[in-house]
C-alpha atoms as a PDB file:
ATOM      1  CA  MET A   1       0.000   0.000   0.000  1.00  0.00           C
ATOM      2  CA  ALA A   2       1.264   3.464  -0.868  1.00  0.00           C
ATOM      3  CA  ASP A   3       2.060   5.783   2.017  1.00  0.00           C
ATOM      4  CA  LYS A   4       2.906   9.440   2.504  1.00  0.00           C
ATOM      5  CA  ASN A   5       6.669   8.891   2.469  1.00  0.00           C
ATOM      6  CA  SER A   6       6.593   7.157  -0.913  1.00  0.00           C
ATOM      7  CA  VAL A   7       3.881   9.257  -2.616  1.00  0.00           C
ATOM      8  CA  LEU A   8       4.419  12.850  -1.432  1.00  0.00           C
ATOM      9  CA  PRO A   9       7.785  13.251  -3.243  1.00  0.00           C
ATOM     10  CA  LEU A  10       6.161  12.014  -6.479  1.00  0.00           C
ATOM     11  CA  LEU A  11       3.315  14.485  -6.074  1.00  0.00           C
ATOM     12  CA  GLN A  12       5.702  17.345  -5.337  1.00  0.00           C
ATOM     13  CA  ALA A  13       7.753  16.500  -8.444  1.00  0.00           C
ATOM     14  CA  ALA A  14       4.598  16.543 -10.607  1.00  0.00           C
ATOM     15  CA  HIS A  15       3.343  19.860  -9.166  1.00  0.00           C
ATOM     16  CA  GLN A  16       2.414  22.451 -11.802  1.00  0.00           C
ATOM     17  CA  SER A  17       2.872  26.042 -10.671  1.00  0.00           C
ATOM     18  CA  PRO A  18      -0.558  27.699 -10.728  1.00  0.00           C
ATOM     19  CA  VAL A  19      -1.194  31.359 -11.504  1.00  0.00           C
ATOM     20  CA  VAL A  20      -2.373  31.823  -7.923  1.00  0.00           C
ATOM     21  CA  ALA A  21      -0.448  29.695  -5.446  1.00  0.00           C
ATOM     22  CA  LEU A  22      -2.393  27.563  -2.990  1.00  0.00           C
ATOM     23  CA  GLU A  23      -1.471  27.539   0.672  1.00  0.00           C
ATOM     24  CA  LEU A  24      -1.180  24.633   3.061  1.00  0.00           C
ATOM     25  CA  PRO A  25      -3.584  24.900   5.994  1.00  0.00           C
ATOM     26  CA  GLU A  26      -2.773  25.104   9.652  1.00  0.00           C
ATOM     27  CA  ASP A  27      -4.323  22.538  11.966  1.00  0.00           C
ATOM     28  CA  ASP A  28      -6.791  25.108  13.356  1.00  0.00           C
ATOM     29  CA  GLU A  29      -8.117  25.772   9.832  1.00  0.00           C
ATOM     30  CA  ILE A  30      -8.930  22.086   9.472  1.00  0.00           C
ATOM     31  CA  THR A  31     -10.622  22.166  12.879  1.00  0.00           C
ATOM     32  CA  ALA A  32     -12.789  25.077  11.669  1.00  0.00           C
ATOM     33  CA  ILE A  33     -13.744  23.066   8.568  1.00  0.00           C
ATOM     34  CA  GLU A  34     -14.685  20.097  10.768  1.00  0.00           C
ATOM     35  CA  GLU A  35     -16.995  22.366  12.753  1.00  0.00           C
ATOM     36  CA  ALA A  36     -18.532  23.764   9.559  1.00  0.00           C
ATOM     37  CA  ILE A  37     -19.324  20.374   7.994  1.00  0.00           C
ATOM     38  CA  TYR A  38     -19.896  18.404  11.238  1.00  0.00           C
ATOM     39  CA  VAL A  39     -17.375  15.747  10.184  1.00  0.00           C
ATOM     40  CA  GLN A  40     -14.124  14.823  11.880  1.00  0.00           C
ATOM     41  CA  ILE A  41     -11.156  14.864   9.492  1.00  0.00           C
ATOM     42  CA  ARG A  42      -8.641  12.376  10.803  1.00  0.00           C
ATOM     43  CA  GLY A  43      -5.674  10.210   9.967  1.00  0.00           C
ATOM     44  CA  ASP A  44      -4.235  10.124   6.482  1.00  0.00           C
ATOM     45  CA  TYR A  45      -6.744  12.591   5.045  1.00  0.00           C
ATOM     46  CA  ARG A  46      -5.893  15.217   7.662  1.00  0.00           C
ATOM     47  CA  ASP A  47      -2.205  14.611   6.941  1.00  0.00           C
ATOM     48  CA  PHE A  48      -2.881  14.877   3.184  1.00  0.00           C
ATOM     49  CA  LEU A  49      -4.573  18.266   3.663  1.00  0.00           C
ATOM     50  CA  LEU A  50      -1.677  19.502   5.833  1.00  0.00           C
ATOM     51  CA  THR A  51       1.054  18.386   3.412  1.00  0.00           C
ATOM     52  CA  ALA A  52      -0.297  18.069  -0.141  1.00  0.00           C
ATOM     53  CA  SER A  53      -3.388  20.247  -0.561  1.00  0.00           C
ATOM     54  CA  ASP A  54      -1.302  23.075  -2.058  1.00  0.00           C
ATOM     55  CA  LEU A  55      -0.262  20.973  -5.055  1.00  0.00           C
ATOM     56  CA  VAL A  56      -1.701  21.314  -8.552  1.00  0.00           C
ATOM     57  CA  ILE A  57      -1.400  18.149 -10.628  1.00  0.00           C
ATOM     58  CA  GLY A  58      -3.197  17.129 -13.810  1.00  0.00           C
ATOM     59  CA  ALA A  59      -6.909  17.586 -14.394  1.00  0.00           C
ATOM     60  CA  LEU A  60      -8.269  16.604 -10.977  1.00  0.00           C
ATOM     61  CA  GLU A  61      -8.461  19.158  -8.178  1.00  0.00           C
ATOM     62  CA  PRO A  62      -8.724  17.662  -4.682  1.00  0.00           C
ATOM     63  CA  ALA A  63     -10.560  19.586  -1.989  1.00  0.00           C
ATOM     64  CA  THR A  64      -8.821  22.479  -0.284  1.00  0.00           C
ATOM     65  CA  VAL A  65      -9.464  24.179   3.049  1.00  0.00           C
ATOM     66  CA  THR A  66      -7.691  27.556   2.971  1.00  0.00           C
ATOM     67  CA  ASP A  67      -9.685  29.631   0.456  1.00  0.00           C
ATOM     68  CA  PRO A  68     -13.443  29.901   1.009  1.00  0.00           C
ATOM     69  CA  HIS A  69     -13.813  31.454  -2.459  1.00  0.00           C
ATOM     70  CA  SER A  70     -12.296  28.464  -4.241  1.00  0.00           C
ATOM     71  CA  HIS A  71     -14.465  25.986  -6.140  1.00  0.00           C
ATOM     72  CA  THR A  72     -12.488  23.252  -4.349  1.00  0.00           C
ATOM     73  CA  TYR A  73     -13.254  24.550  -0.842  1.00  0.00           C
ATOM     74  CA  LEU A  74     -14.219  21.479   1.185  1.00  0.00           C
ATOM     75  CA  PRO A  75     -17.407  22.893   2.805  1.00  0.00           C
ATOM     76  CA  GLU A  76     -18.750  23.938  -0.616  1.00  0.00           C
ATOM     77  CA  LEU A  77     -17.741  20.638  -2.197  1.00  0.00           C
ATOM     78  CA  THR A  78     -19.485  18.643   0.546  1.00  0.00           C
ATOM     79  CA  CYS A  79     -22.597  20.806   0.328  1.00  0.00           C
ATOM     80  CA  HIS A  80     -22.930  20.271  -3.431  1.00  0.00           C
ATOM     81  CA  ALA A  81     -22.188  16.544  -3.212  1.00  0.00           C
ATOM     82  CA  TRP A  82     -24.652  15.956  -0.381  1.00  0.00           C
ATOM     83  CA  GLU A  83     -27.312  17.961  -2.253  1.00  0.00           C
ATOM     84  CA  GLN A  84     -26.778  15.633  -5.233  1.00  0.00           C
ATOM     85  CA  GLY A  85     -27.538  12.622  -3.063  1.00  0.00           C
ATOM     86  CA  LEU A  86     -24.127  11.554  -1.794  1.00  0.00           C
ATOM     87  CA  SER A  87     -24.526   9.819   1.562  1.00  0.00           C
ATOM     88  CA  ARG A  88     -23.403  11.889   4.534  1.00  0.00           C
ATOM     89  CA  GLU A  89     -21.374   8.852   5.559  1.00  0.00           C
ATOM     90  CA  LEU A  90     -19.076   9.727   2.638  1.00  0.00           C
ATOM     91  CA  LEU A  91     -16.799  12.761   2.541  1.00  0.00           C
ATOM     92  CA  PRO A  92     -16.067  14.025  -0.977  1.00  0.00           C
ATOM     93  CA  ILE A  93     -12.363  14.674  -1.434  1.00  0.00           C
ATOM     94  CA  CYS A  94     -12.331  15.483  -5.155  1.00  0.00           C
ATOM     95  CA  GLN A  95     -14.906  16.179  -7.835  1.00  0.00           C
ATOM     96  CA  SER A  96     -14.584  14.154 -11.032  1.00  0.00           C
ATOM     97  CA  ALA A  97     -16.239  14.593 -14.430  1.00  0.00           C
ATOM     98  CA  ASN A  98     -19.325  12.593 -13.411  1.00  0.00           C
ATOM     99  CA  GLY A  99     -19.208  12.466  -9.635  1.00  0.00           C
ATOM    100  CA  TYR A 100     -16.858  12.442  -6.687  1.00  0.00           C
ATOM    101  CA  PHE A 101     -14.004  10.545  -5.134  1.00  0.00           C
ATOM    102  CA  CYS A 102     -14.945  10.105  -1.489  1.00  0.00           C
ATOM    103  CA  LEU A 103     -13.524   9.020   1.833  1.00  0.00           C
ATOM    104  CA  ASP A 104     -15.624   6.294   3.438  1.00  0.00           C
ATOM    105  CA  MET A 105     -15.999   5.347   7.106  1.00  0.00           C
ATOM    106  CA  GLU A 106     -12.991   2.980   6.868  1.00  0.00           C
ATOM    107  CA  ASP A 107     -10.764   5.734   5.393  1.00  0.00           C
ATOM    108  CA  GLN A 108     -10.797   4.112   1.951  1.00  0.00           C
ATOM    109  CA  ILE A 109     -11.374   6.154  -1.177  1.00  0.00           C
ATOM    110  CA  ILE A 110     -14.324   5.166  -3.339  1.00  0.00           C
ATOM    111  CA  GLU A 111     -15.735   6.690  -6.530  1.00  0.00           C
ATOM    112  CA  TRP A 112     -19.360   7.833  -6.628  1.00  0.00           C
ATOM    113  CA  ILE A 113     -20.766   8.437 -10.121  1.00  0.00           C
ATOM    114  CA  ASP A 114     -24.341   9.323 -11.024  1.00  0.00           C
ATOM    115  CA  GLY A 115     -25.656   8.229  -7.642  1.00  0.00           C
ATOM    116  CA  GLN A 116     -23.848   4.888  -7.564  1.00  0.00           C
ATOM    117  CA  ILE A 117     -20.716   3.674  -5.819  1.00  0.00           C
ATOM    118  CA  GLU A 118     -18.405   2.286  -8.476  1.00  0.00           C
ATOM    119  CA  PRO A 119     -16.687  -1.079  -8.025  1.00  0.00           C
ATOM    120  CA  GLY A 120     -13.204  -0.914  -6.555  1.00  0.00           C
ATOM    121  CA  SER A 121     -11.585   1.358  -4.014  1.00  0.00           C
ATOM    122  CA  TRP A 122      -8.214   2.619  -2.852  1.00  0.00           C
ATOM    123  CA  PRO A 123      -7.022   1.671   0.640  1.00  0.00           C
ATOM    124  CA  SER A 124      -5.871   5.208   1.479  1.00  0.00           C
ATOM    125  CA  ILE A 125      -5.757   8.786   0.225  1.00  0.00           C
ATOM    126  CA  TRP A 126      -2.096   8.221  -0.622  1.00  0.00           C
ATOM    127  CA  SER A 127      -2.910   5.184  -2.779  1.00  0.00           C
ATOM    128  CA  TRP A 128      -5.598   7.202  -4.569  1.00  0.00           C
ATOM    129  CA  ALA A 129      -3.148  10.078  -5.083  1.00  0.00           C
ATOM    130  CA  ALA A 130      -0.558   7.746  -6.616  1.00  0.00           C
ATOM    131  CA  ASP A 131      -3.010   5.774  -8.786  1.00  0.00           C
ATOM    132  CA  VAL A 132      -5.488   8.451  -9.842  1.00  0.00           C
ATOM    133  CA  TRP A 133      -4.459  12.038  -9.124  1.00  0.00           C
ATOM    134  CA  LEU A 134      -0.866  11.678 -10.287  1.00  0.00           C
ATOM    135  CA  ASP A 135      -2.069  10.311 -13.645  1.00  0.00           C
ATOM    136  CA  SER A 136      -4.971  12.742 -14.170  1.00  0.00           C
END
């Protein structure tokens, strides 16, 4: 299984400099997001937000937590996904062309398209980043 130590350097090497640079959040910013969406952000996903959410890679844009005006701002992303019927037991981490990549209750990443959970999953955010985001 991919982990932060093996995947983060690959992500950093693939980073494309955006016109407007993204910032990494502080822990208290993530705590404020948790309070806004009533969901605890823990483990690998919290670590991902703290260390990799400033990176721009390929066509996919994972959720961010520092800019409330961004289309990737996690509270807005969750609001739109939940309005479209995504279960509140799933936390969207990235919008795709037809749905969302989501964190489930076991901290696995699943893909939700057109109201259905697609077959297959990734065991962690880092595995998803290596297999999907890096190649997007």
